[in-house]
């Protein structure tokens, strides 16, 4: 059975480095590492990040990500960054995008593999989940780049049009063996 990313990327899935293919093969994964989390400077944006319980600003936050496969090529991602935890549901849509539901928002993510084998994502539509209200100007970008057989660098940026970056996090994460996942579950 194909995983979510195999379904969305098709033949391009094989162009990713082995660590990224293992991370997104649809069999589930456990990832650990450290991230640098940066927040916007304006107070109103910082208040918004606090109210939405985003990971706190930090030069080094422990990160733990559990990816669990669900029926119909969907996945549940539980990201713990520092003391904050974010759970999201990812599923395919009919236009070969990934739909991610996290908190109050739903994001439609265009997903691709670039010439160097990095995974790239960019939102092309974000809205309030239950109301369907669009959030114009809000853009999420994400990238993953292999370092070696177990580690990869990730970068996520959430920006709000002319107001700039609201939140970004980046760092090196290590993919754990599936035998380690069974012990930690």
Protein backbone atom coordinates (compact mmCIF):
# COMPACT_ATOMS: atom_id res chain seq x y z
CA UNK A 1 0.00 0.00 0.00
CA UNK A 2 1.28 3.46 -0.91
CA UNK A 3 1.83 6.10 1.73
CA UNK A 4 0.55 9.68 1.53
CA UNK A 5 3.76 11.14 0.10
CA UNK A 6 4.19 8.30 -2.40
CA UNK A 7 0.66 8.95 -3.64
CA UNK A 8 1.14 12.73 -3.91
CA UNK A 9 4.66 12.69 -5.40
CA UNK A 10 4.32 9.70 -7.73
CA UNK A 11 7.61 8.88 -9.47
CA UNK A 12 9.32 11.88 -7.83
CA UNK A 13 9.17 10.05 -4.48
CA UNK A 14 12.17 7.96 -5.58
CA UNK A 15 14.25 11.11 -6.19
CA UNK A 16 14.37 11.88 -2.47
CA UNK A 17 17.32 10.76 -0.33
CA UNK A 18 16.86 7.42 1.50
CA UNK A 19 16.28 9.10 4.89
CA UNK A 20 13.43 11.20 3.45
CA UNK A 21 11.89 8.20 1.68
CA UNK A 22 11.99 6.23 4.96
CA UNK A 23 10.42 9.17 6.81
CA UNK A 24 7.55 9.43 4.31
CA UNK A 25 7.04 5.81 3.24
CA UNK A 26 3.63 5.54 4.94
CA UNK A 27 4.79 3.01 7.54
CA UNK A 28 5.02 5.50 10.41
CA UNK A 29 8.12 7.17 11.83
CA UNK A 30 9.68 8.55 14.96
CA UNK A 31 11.93 11.60 14.69
CA UNK A 32 13.95 13.36 17.40
CA UNK A 33 16.30 16.32 17.48
CA UNK A 34 16.68 19.97 18.36
CA UNK A 35 15.07 22.99 16.74
CA UNK A 36 15.61 26.73 16.89
CA UNK A 37 12.23 28.46 17.16
CA UNK A 38 11.91 32.14 16.22
CA UNK A 39 8.90 34.40 16.79
CA UNK A 40 7.92 37.68 15.19
CA UNK A 41 8.90 40.87 17.05
CA UNK A 42 5.62 42.86 17.15
CA UNK A 43 3.73 42.30 20.38
CA UNK A 44 0.36 41.63 18.69
CA UNK A 45 1.93 38.83 16.63
CA UNK A 46 3.59 37.34 19.73
CA UNK A 47 0.23 37.45 21.51
CA UNK A 48 -1.38 35.63 18.58
CA UNK A 49 1.32 32.92 18.78
CA UNK A 50 0.75 32.52 22.53
CA UNK A 51 -3.03 32.28 22.10
CA UNK A 52 -2.67 29.62 19.41
CA UNK A 53 -0.22 27.69 21.63
CA UNK A 54 2.60 27.66 19.12
CA UNK A 55 6.03 26.42 20.23
CA UNK A 56 7.82 29.05 22.31
CA UNK A 57 10.79 30.98 20.98
CA UNK A 58 14.03 29.17 21.82
CA UNK A 59 17.60 28.75 20.58
CA UNK A 60 17.34 25.02 21.30
CA UNK A 61 14.08 23.13 21.83
CA UNK A 62 13.89 19.37 22.05
CA UNK A 63 11.73 18.02 19.26
CA UNK A 64 9.93 14.71 19.03
CA UNK A 65 7.68 13.82 16.06
CA UNK A 66 5.53 10.70 15.86
CA UNK A 67 4.04 9.98 12.43
CA UNK A 68 1.28 7.35 12.42
CA UNK A 69 -0.37 5.95 9.29
CA UNK A 70 -4.16 6.11 9.07
CA UNK A 71 -6.60 4.59 6.55
CA UNK A 72 -6.93 6.03 3.02
CA UNK A 73 -3.33 7.29 2.76
CA UNK A 74 -3.76 9.70 5.68
CA UNK A 75 -1.30 10.33 8.52
CA UNK A 76 -1.40 11.74 12.05
CA UNK A 77 1.61 13.83 13.04
CA UNK A 78 2.20 14.63 16.71
CA UNK A 79 4.97 17.23 17.01
CA UNK A 80 6.32 18.05 20.46
CA UNK A 81 8.59 21.09 20.34
CA UNK A 82 9.79 22.12 23.76
CA UNK A 83 6.78 22.08 26.10
CA UNK A 84 4.22 22.48 23.26
CA UNK A 85 2.54 19.74 21.29
CA UNK A 86 0.81 20.11 17.92
CA UNK A 87 -1.28 17.33 16.42
CA UNK A 88 -2.18 17.42 12.76
CA UNK A 89 -4.04 15.23 10.32
CA UNK A 90 -2.65 15.01 6.79
CA UNK A 91 -4.59 13.58 3.88
CA UNK A 92 -4.51 13.75 0.08
CA UNK A 93 -6.88 15.87 -1.96
CA UNK A 94 -8.08 15.35 -5.51
CA UNK A 95 -5.54 17.85 -6.91
CA UNK A 96 -2.39 16.02 -5.70
CA UNK A 97 -1.91 18.27 -2.68
CA UNK A 98 -1.69 17.43 0.98
CA UNK A 99 -4.41 18.84 3.21
CA UNK A 100 -3.10 19.45 6.73
CA UNK A 101 -5.53 20.18 9.55
CA UNK A 102 -3.83 21.58 12.64
CA UNK A 103 -5.61 23.47 15.39
CA UNK A 104 -8.11 25.89 13.90
CA UNK A 105 -6.65 25.93 10.40
CA UNK A 106 -6.64 23.80 7.29
CA UNK A 107 -3.78 24.26 4.82
CA UNK A 108 -3.57 22.92 1.27
CA UNK A 109 0.11 22.15 0.64
CA UNK A 110 1.67 21.83 -2.78
CA UNK A 111 4.42 19.25 -2.33
CA UNK A 112 7.38 18.59 -4.63
CA UNK A 113 10.94 17.31 -4.82
CA UNK A 114 13.51 19.79 -6.14
CA UNK A 115 16.53 19.05 -8.36
CA UNK A 116 18.73 18.32 -5.31
CA UNK A 117 16.25 15.79 -3.88
CA UNK A 118 14.90 18.08 -1.14
CA UNK A 119 11.25 17.91 -0.20
CA UNK A 120 9.53 21.29 -0.61
CA UNK A 121 6.05 22.35 0.52
CA UNK A 122 4.13 25.60 0.17
CA UNK A 123 0.57 26.41 1.13
CA UNK A 124 -1.63 27.65 -1.66
CA UNK A 125 -4.78 27.94 0.46
CA UNK A 126 -5.29 28.33 4.22
CA UNK A 127 -8.62 28.80 5.96
CA UNK A 128 -10.33 28.48 9.34
CA UNK A 129 -11.30 24.84 9.53
CA UNK A 130 -14.96 24.79 10.58
CA UNK A 131 -15.99 28.14 9.14
CA UNK A 132 -14.21 27.93 5.80
CA UNK A 133 -13.05 31.55 6.11
CA UNK A 134 -9.90 32.15 4.07
CA UNK A 135 -6.82 33.59 5.77
CA UNK A 136 -5.34 35.69 2.95
CA UNK A 137 -1.65 36.42 3.20
CA UNK A 138 -0.92 33.54 5.57
CA UNK A 139 1.68 31.28 3.93
CA UNK A 140 3.39 28.16 5.22
CA UNK A 141 6.59 26.85 3.62
CA UNK A 142 8.55 23.78 4.66
CA UNK A 143 11.64 21.96 3.42
CA UNK A 144 13.55 18.82 4.33
CA UNK A 145 17.10 18.12 3.18
CA UNK A 146 19.06 14.91 3.85
CA UNK A 147 22.32 15.11 5.79
CA UNK A 148 23.09 11.38 5.95
CA UNK A 149 21.25 8.04 6.26
CA UNK A 150 19.56 8.95 9.55
CA UNK A 151 19.55 12.76 9.80
CA UNK A 152 17.93 15.57 7.88
CA UNK A 153 17.58 19.33 8.20
CA UNK A 154 14.08 20.77 8.34
CA UNK A 155 12.89 24.33 8.03
CA UNK A 156 9.31 25.58 8.50
CA UNK A 157 8.23 29.20 8.06
CA UNK A 158 4.82 30.75 8.71
CA UNK A 159 4.46 34.26 7.30
CA UNK A 160 1.69 36.82 7.12
CA UNK A 161 2.07 38.84 3.92
CA UNK A 162 3.46 42.33 4.46
CA UNK A 163 3.86 41.66 8.20
CA UNK A 164 6.60 39.11 7.50
CA UNK A 165 7.45 35.97 9.43
CA UNK A 166 5.21 35.07 12.36
CA UNK A 167 7.00 31.86 13.32
CA UNK A 168 9.84 29.77 11.98
CA UNK A 169 11.65 26.72 13.21
CA UNK A 170 14.59 24.80 11.87
CA UNK A 171 17.14 22.25 12.93
CA UNK A 172 18.53 18.77 12.51
CA UNK A 173 16.31 15.78 13.19
CA UNK A 174 17.21 12.10 13.38
CA UNK A 175 14.97 9.34 12.06
CA UNK A 176 14.79 6.49 14.58
CA UNK A 177 14.69 2.84 13.58
CA UNK A 178 11.28 1.19 13.48
CA UNK A 179 12.43 -1.19 16.25
CA UNK A 180 12.94 1.89 18.48
CA UNK A 181 9.41 3.08 17.65
CA UNK A 182 7.86 -0.12 18.96
CA UNK A 183 9.60 0.34 22.30
CA UNK A 184 8.47 3.97 22.67
CA UNK A 185 4.82 3.47 21.60
